[in-house]
C-alpha atoms as a PDB file:
ATOM      1  CA  MET A   1      -0.001   0.013  -0.053  1.00  0.00           C
ATOM      2  CA  LEU A   2       1.285   3.384  -0.965  1.00  0.00           C
ATOM      3  CA  PHE A   3      -1.041   5.323   1.366  1.00  0.00           C
ATOM      4  CA  GLU A   4      -1.532   5.080   4.991  1.00  0.00           C
ATOM      5  CA  THR A   5      -4.737   6.859   6.213  1.00  0.00           C
ATOM      6  CA  LYS A   6      -5.472   8.440   9.573  1.00  0.00           C
ATOM      7  CA  LYS A   7      -8.742  10.030  10.562  1.00  0.00           C
ATOM      8  CA  SER A   8      -9.166  12.782  13.237  1.00  0.00           C
ATOM      9  CA  GLY A   9     -12.394  14.618  13.433  1.00  0.00           C
ATOM     10  CA  ASN A  10     -13.134  15.908  10.005  1.00  0.00           C
ATOM     11  CA  VAL A  11      -9.609  15.523   8.724  1.00  0.00           C
ATOM     12  CA  LEU A  12      -8.571  12.504   6.584  1.00  0.00           C
ATOM     13  CA  LEU A  13      -4.751  12.514   6.473  1.00  0.00           C
ATOM     14  CA  LEU A  14      -3.202  10.474   3.617  1.00  0.00           C
ATOM     15  CA  PHE A  15       0.438   9.639   4.215  1.00  0.00           C
ATOM     16  CA  PHE A  16       2.161   8.727   1.026  1.00  0.00           C
ATOM     17  CA  LYS A  17       4.612   6.092   1.841  1.00  0.00           C
ATOM     18  CA  SER A  18       6.978   6.067  -1.122  1.00  0.00           C
ATOM     19  CA  GLU A  19       9.673   8.496  -2.371  1.00  0.00           C
ATOM     20  CA  THR A  20       8.263   8.136  -5.897  1.00  0.00           C
ATOM     21  CA  PHE A  21       5.079   9.914  -7.006  1.00  0.00           C
ATOM     22  CA  ASN A  22       5.511   9.720 -10.730  1.00  0.00           C
ATOM     23  CA  SER A  23       4.912   7.597 -13.884  1.00  0.00           C
ATOM     24  CA  SER A  24       6.654   4.581 -12.385  1.00  0.00           C
ATOM     25  CA  ASN A  25       3.886   4.037  -9.784  1.00  0.00           C
ATOM     26  CA  ALA A  26       0.993   6.086 -11.281  1.00  0.00           C
ATOM     27  CA  THR A  27      -1.271   3.085 -11.927  1.00  0.00           C
ATOM     28  CA  GLU A  28      -0.949   1.874  -8.343  1.00  0.00           C
ATOM     29  CA  ILE A  29      -1.453   5.390  -6.918  1.00  0.00           C
ATOM     30  CA  SER A  30      -4.680   5.764  -9.016  1.00  0.00           C
ATOM     31  CA  LYS A  31      -5.933   2.340  -7.917  1.00  0.00           C
ATOM     32  CA  GLU A  32      -5.431   3.114  -4.248  1.00  0.00           C
ATOM     33  CA  LEU A  33      -7.072   6.560  -4.496  1.00  0.00           C
ATOM     34  CA  ASN A  34     -10.053   5.058  -6.229  1.00  0.00           C
ATOM     35  CA  VAL A  35     -10.868   2.934  -3.119  1.00  0.00           C
ATOM     36  CA  ILE A  36     -10.520   5.789  -0.544  1.00  0.00           C
ATOM     37  CA  ASN A  37     -13.915   7.085   0.451  1.00  0.00           C
ATOM     38  CA  PHE A  38     -13.738  10.913   0.398  1.00  0.00           C
ATOM     39  CA  SER A  39     -16.560  12.684   2.118  1.00  0.00           C
ATOM     40  CA  SER A  40     -17.738  16.315   1.585  1.00  0.00           C
ATOM     41  CA  GLU A  41     -17.547  16.765   5.340  1.00  0.00           C
ATOM     42  CA  GLU A  42     -13.819  16.060   5.395  1.00  0.00           C
ATOM     43  CA  ASN A  43     -10.656  17.936   4.983  1.00  0.00           C
ATOM     44  CA  VAL A  44      -8.255  15.725   3.000  1.00  0.00           C
ATOM     45  CA  TRP A  45      -4.676  16.413   3.488  1.00  0.00           C
ATOM     46  CA  LEU A  46      -1.947  14.573   1.496  1.00  0.00           C
ATOM     47  CA  ASP A  47       1.372  14.278   3.239  1.00  0.00           C
ATOM     48  CA  LEU A  48       4.118  14.309   0.558  1.00  0.00           C
ATOM     49  CA  SER A  49       7.104  14.475   3.019  1.00  0.00           C
ATOM     50  CA  GLU A  50       8.594  11.233   1.783  1.00  0.00           C
ATOM     51  CA  VAL A  51       8.397  12.070  -1.924  1.00  0.00           C
ATOM     52  CA  ASN A  52      11.685  12.881  -3.716  1.00  0.00           C
ATOM     53  CA  LYS A  53      10.798  11.883  -7.326  1.00  0.00           C
ATOM     54  CA  PHE A  54       7.905  13.723  -8.864  1.00  0.00           C
ATOM     55  CA  ASP A  55       7.022  14.240 -12.513  1.00  0.00           C
ATOM     56  CA  SER A  56       4.216  15.614 -14.772  1.00  0.00           C
ATOM     57  CA  ILE A  57       2.278  12.300 -14.232  1.00  0.00           C
ATOM     58  CA  GLY A  58       2.409  12.929 -10.521  1.00  0.00           C
ATOM     59  CA  LEU A  59       1.211  16.525 -11.084  1.00  0.00           C
ATOM     60  CA  GLY A  60      -1.632  15.152 -13.227  1.00  0.00           C
ATOM     61  CA  ILE A  61      -2.745  12.938 -10.415  1.00  0.00           C
ATOM     62  CA  LEU A  62      -2.688  15.871  -8.000  1.00  0.00           C
ATOM     63  CA  LEU A  63      -4.738  17.911 -10.496  1.00  0.00           C
ATOM     64  CA  LYS A  64      -7.270  15.051 -10.756  1.00  0.00           C
ATOM     65  CA  ILE A  65      -7.658  15.002  -6.960  1.00  0.00           C
ATOM     66  CA  THR A  66      -7.989  18.827  -6.889  1.00  0.00           C
ATOM     67  CA  ARG A  67     -10.782  18.726  -9.531  1.00  0.00           C
ATOM     68  CA  TYR A  68     -12.502  15.831  -7.678  1.00  0.00           C
ATOM     69  CA  SER A  69     -12.401  17.850  -4.386  1.00  0.00           C
ATOM     70  CA  LEU A  70     -13.911  20.905  -6.084  1.00  0.00           C
ATOM     71  CA  GLU A  71     -16.659  18.846  -7.721  1.00  0.00           C
ATOM     72  CA  ASN A  72     -17.452  16.983  -4.426  1.00  0.00           C
ATOM     73  CA  ASN A  73     -17.100  19.930  -2.027  1.00  0.00           C
ATOM     74  CA  PHE A  74     -14.250  18.803   0.190  1.00  0.00           C
ATOM     75  CA  TYR A  75     -11.133  20.678   1.191  1.00  0.00           C
ATOM     76  CA  PHE A  76      -7.879  19.324  -0.160  1.00  0.00           C
ATOM     77  CA  ALA A  77      -4.452  20.410   0.869  1.00  0.00           C
ATOM     78  CA  LEU A  78      -0.856  19.226   0.455  1.00  0.00           C
ATOM     79  CA  ILE A  79       1.370  19.022   3.572  1.00  0.00           C
ATOM     80  CA  ASN A  80       5.110  18.883   4.088  1.00  0.00           C
ATOM     81  CA  PRO A  81       6.324  18.493   0.559  1.00  0.00           C
ATOM     82  CA  SER A  82      10.112  18.488   0.158  1.00  0.00           C
ATOM     83  CA  VAL A  83      11.744  21.677  -1.120  1.00  0.00           C
ATOM     84  CA  LYS A  84      12.251  20.000  -4.481  1.00  0.00           C
ATOM     85  CA  VAL A  85       8.574  18.945  -4.756  1.00  0.00           C
ATOM     86  CA  LYS A  86       7.290  22.318  -3.534  1.00  0.00           C
ATOM     87  CA  ASN A  87       9.387  24.091  -6.155  1.00  0.00           C
ATOM     88  CA  LEU A  88       7.885  21.881  -8.916  1.00  0.00           C
ATOM     89  CA  LEU A  89       4.366  22.551  -7.597  1.00  0.00           C
ATOM     90  CA  GLU A  90       5.013  26.263  -7.700  1.00  0.00           C
ATOM     91  CA  ILE A  91       6.487  26.134 -11.228  1.00  0.00           C
ATOM     92  CA  ALA A  92       3.305  24.395 -12.279  1.00  0.00           C
ATOM     93  CA  HIS A  93       1.206  26.931 -10.293  1.00  0.00           C
ATOM     94  CA  LEU A  94      -0.497  24.074  -8.399  1.00  0.00           C
ATOM     95  CA  ASN A  95       0.008  26.185  -5.298  1.00  0.00           C
ATOM     96  CA  GLU A  96      -2.577  28.623  -6.621  1.00  0.00           C
ATOM     97  CA  LEU A  97      -5.177  25.881  -6.607  1.00  0.00           C
ATOM     98  CA  VAL A  98      -4.183  23.754  -3.615  1.00  0.00           C
ATOM     99  CA  PRO A  99      -3.002  25.077  -0.225  1.00  0.00           C
ATOM    100  CA  ILE A 100       0.518  23.881   0.606  1.00  0.00           C
ATOM    101  CA  ILE A 101       1.160  23.553   4.302  1.00  0.00           C
ATOM    102  CA  GLN A 102       4.842  23.360   5.271  1.00  0.00           C
ATOM    103  CA  ASN A 103       6.155  22.015   8.569  1.00  0.00           C
ATOM    104  CA  PHE A 104       2.867  20.595   9.736  1.00  0.00           C
ATOM    105  CA  PRO A 105       3.458  18.557  12.880  1.00  0.00           C
ATOM    106  CA  LYS A 106       1.860  15.123  12.088  1.00  0.00           C
ATOM    107  CA  GLU A 107       1.479  14.402  15.816  1.00  0.00           C
ATOM    108  CA  LYS A 108      -1.330  16.938  15.877  1.00  0.00           C
ATOM    109  CA  ILE A 109      -3.470  14.360  14.068  1.00  0.00           C
ATOM    110  CA  LYS A 110      -4.532  11.889  16.675  1.00  0.00           C
END
């Protein structure tokens, strides 16, 4: 499993457990995301702190989640991306669509 999920109140935290978020595992990422039940009452936060390898396919997956969140009325944010990944997100202007939360203490989610 590439995702570990943790629920606290109205927050669903998805920990991405691989350093690679790109074309090499895109099919597996998509399959796992399809079985996660997103609710309009939730805030969905995707932790990217372990990701070091990110490409346009990974960006496309994040855009797909963003579009889905807008269509289904749930809040989606990215937390703790590495500097390299954050820079790529900014170059692609994804930071204008999705909040990026740096240095979020994971222990706050119980």
